């Protein structure tokens, strides 16, 4: 029985070592991929997406639709890069959360196709906002050097 306990403790210790960096790294990588694709889609499908922008609710109705899509695309692209590098992760997570929430509230839910994806992104970004980027990040490296 002692051998089983020792094996369990060894496995738990290894998982704890991986847990210091791997969960945040995986979250950052998956979110970076998703936001990069979303930003690319917005940039390359601008004409099709602008059709969705007619009838935007206030306050977006007062802004040029092309500018809103362009800003959303670049927020997603830059956010993806920052997340992947783990640089300014908490700020990037907050900005992406605000963008997702605004997109869902002002556009997707108003059009009747909200879906679950924005909520998943918000849930995945929350640990990065509150817990940081983890050890394999520029944020961690910079803080340790200051």
Protein backbone atom coordinates (compact mmCIF):
# COMPACT_ATOMS: atom_id res chain seq x y z
CA UNK A 1 0.00 0.00 0.00
CA UNK A 2 2.90 2.30 0.71
CA UNK A 3 4.15 1.86 -2.87
CA UNK A 4 0.77 3.02 -4.22
CA UNK A 5 0.86 6.07 -1.95
CA UNK A 6 4.44 6.90 -2.99
CA UNK A 7 3.47 6.58 -6.66
CA UNK A 8 0.47 8.83 -6.12
CA UNK A 9 2.65 11.44 -4.36
CA UNK A 10 5.21 11.33 -7.17
CA UNK A 11 2.52 11.84 -9.82
CA UNK A 12 0.88 14.62 -7.79
CA UNK A 13 4.22 16.40 -7.39
CA UNK A 14 4.86 16.20 -11.14
CA UNK A 15 1.39 17.54 -11.88
CA UNK A 16 1.93 20.38 -9.40
CA UNK A 17 5.16 21.34 -11.17
CA UNK A 18 3.35 21.36 -14.53
CA UNK A 19 0.46 23.26 -12.96
CA UNK A 20 2.75 26.21 -12.28
CA UNK A 21 2.80 27.10 -15.98
CA UNK A 22 0.96 24.67 -18.25
CA UNK A 23 -2.72 25.61 -17.64
CA UNK A 24 -2.10 29.32 -18.27
CA UNK A 25 0.05 28.54 -21.31
CA UNK A 26 -2.65 26.32 -22.79
CA UNK A 27 -5.37 28.91 -22.13
CA UNK A 28 -3.25 31.63 -23.71
CA UNK A 29 -2.45 29.49 -26.76
CA UNK A 30 -6.06 28.42 -27.41
CA UNK A 31 -7.40 31.95 -26.90
CA UNK A 32 -4.66 33.46 -29.06
CA UNK A 33 -5.56 31.07 -31.86
CA UNK A 34 -9.28 31.82 -31.59
CA UNK A 35 -8.87 35.60 -31.42
CA UNK A 36 -6.32 35.58 -34.24
CA UNK A 37 -8.76 33.70 -36.48
CA UNK A 38 -11.62 36.00 -35.48
CA UNK A 39 -9.55 39.11 -36.22
CA UNK A 40 -8.41 37.72 -39.58
CA UNK A 41 -12.01 36.84 -40.42
CA UNK A 42 -13.11 40.39 -39.66
CA UNK A 43 -10.33 41.93 -41.73
CA UNK A 44 -10.79 39.66 -44.74
CA UNK A 45 -14.58 39.46 -44.60
CA UNK A 46 -15.14 43.17 -43.96
CA UNK A 47 -17.67 43.66 -46.78
CA UNK A 48 -19.86 40.78 -45.64
CA UNK A 49 -19.64 41.80 -42.00
CA UNK A 50 -20.53 45.41 -42.73
CA UNK A 51 -23.96 44.18 -43.74
CA UNK A 52 -24.47 43.07 -40.15
CA UNK A 53 -23.55 46.54 -38.89
CA UNK A 54 -26.60 48.27 -40.37
CA UNK A 55 -28.96 49.02 -37.55
CA UNK A 56 -26.36 48.79 -34.80
CA UNK A 57 -27.74 49.88 -31.45
CA UNK A 58 -26.53 53.00 -29.68
CA UNK A 59 -23.75 53.96 -29.02
CA UNK A 60 -22.32 52.10 -32.02
CA UNK A 61 -24.96 53.50 -34.37
CA UNK A 62 -23.21 56.86 -34.27
CA UNK A 63 -19.86 55.43 -35.38
CA UNK A 64 -18.90 54.42 -38.93
CA UNK A 65 -19.53 50.68 -39.29
CA UNK A 66 -16.18 50.14 -41.01
CA UNK A 67 -14.37 51.76 -38.12
CA UNK A 68 -16.11 49.56 -35.57
CA UNK A 69 -15.21 46.38 -37.48
CA UNK A 70 -11.66 47.58 -38.10
CA UNK A 71 -11.18 48.37 -34.39
CA UNK A 72 -12.68 45.04 -33.32
CA UNK A 73 -10.44 43.17 -35.77
CA UNK A 74 -7.26 44.86 -34.56
CA UNK A 75 -8.21 44.46 -30.90
CA UNK A 76 -8.58 40.73 -31.53
CA UNK A 77 -5.35 40.47 -33.55
CA UNK A 78 -3.22 42.43 -31.09
CA UNK A 79 -4.89 40.71 -28.15
CA UNK A 80 -3.98 37.35 -29.69
CA UNK A 81 -0.32 38.35 -29.99
CA UNK A 82 -0.20 39.70 -26.43
CA UNK A 83 -1.85 36.54 -25.08
CA UNK A 84 0.48 34.24 -26.97
CA UNK A 85 3.57 36.09 -25.73
CA UNK A 86 2.16 36.50 -22.25
CA UNK A 87 2.88 40.23 -22.44
CA UNK A 88 0.41 42.60 -20.81
CA UNK A 89 -1.78 39.56 -20.31
CA UNK A 90 -4.11 40.99 -17.68
CA UNK A 91 -4.73 44.15 -19.71
CA UNK A 92 -5.17 42.13 -22.91
CA UNK A 93 -7.62 39.80 -21.14
CA UNK A 94 -9.61 42.76 -19.81
CA UNK A 95 -9.78 44.47 -23.22
CA UNK A 96 -10.77 41.23 -24.95
CA UNK A 97 -13.41 40.55 -22.29
CA UNK A 98 -14.87 44.02 -22.81
CA UNK A 99 -14.82 43.54 -26.58
CA UNK A 100 -16.53 40.15 -26.30
CA UNK A 101 -19.16 41.46 -23.89
CA UNK A 102 -19.85 44.52 -26.06
CA UNK A 103 -20.03 42.41 -29.21
CA UNK A 104 -22.43 40.00 -27.61
CA UNK A 105 -24.63 42.64 -25.97
CA UNK A 106 -24.74 45.13 -28.82
CA UNK A 107 -24.59 42.93 -31.89
CA UNK A 108 -24.94 39.18 -31.53
CA UNK A 109 -27.78 39.04 -29.01
CA UNK A 110 -29.57 41.91 -30.74
CA UNK A 111 -29.43 39.95 -34.00
CA UNK A 112 -30.74 36.83 -32.27
CA UNK A 113 -27.61 34.69 -32.67
CA UNK A 114 -25.71 35.14 -29.44
CA UNK A 115 -24.42 31.61 -29.03
CA UNK A 116 -22.23 30.18 -26.31
CA UNK A 117 -18.81 31.10 -27.67
CA UNK A 118 -18.58 34.63 -26.17
CA UNK A 119 -19.42 33.18 -22.74
CA UNK A 120 -16.74 30.53 -23.15
CA UNK A 121 -14.20 33.19 -24.08
CA UNK A 122 -15.17 35.26 -21.04
CA UNK A 123 -14.81 32.22 -18.79
CA UNK A 124 -11.43 31.34 -20.33
CA UNK A 125 -10.12 34.90 -20.08
CA UNK A 126 -11.12 35.29 -16.40
CA UNK A 127 -8.27 33.14 -14.99
CA UNK A 128 -5.77 35.14 -17.05
CA UNK A 129 -7.22 38.41 -15.80
CA UNK A 130 -7.23 37.38 -12.14
CA UNK A 131 -4.28 34.96 -12.07
CA UNK A 132 -1.92 36.33 -14.69
CA UNK A 133 -0.08 34.69 -17.54
CA UNK A 134 1.87 32.08 -15.59
CA UNK A 135 5.57 31.31 -15.50
CA UNK A 136 6.10 30.81 -19.23
CA UNK A 137 5.35 34.41 -20.17
CA UNK A 138 7.03 37.71 -20.76
CA UNK A 139 5.01 39.15 -17.87
CA UNK A 140 6.61 36.69 -15.45
CA UNK A 141 10.09 37.28 -16.89
CA UNK A 142 9.76 41.08 -16.72
CA UNK A 143 8.42 41.08 -13.14
CA UNK A 144 11.28 38.83 -12.01
CA UNK A 145 13.81 41.23 -13.58
CA UNK A 146 12.41 44.40 -12.06
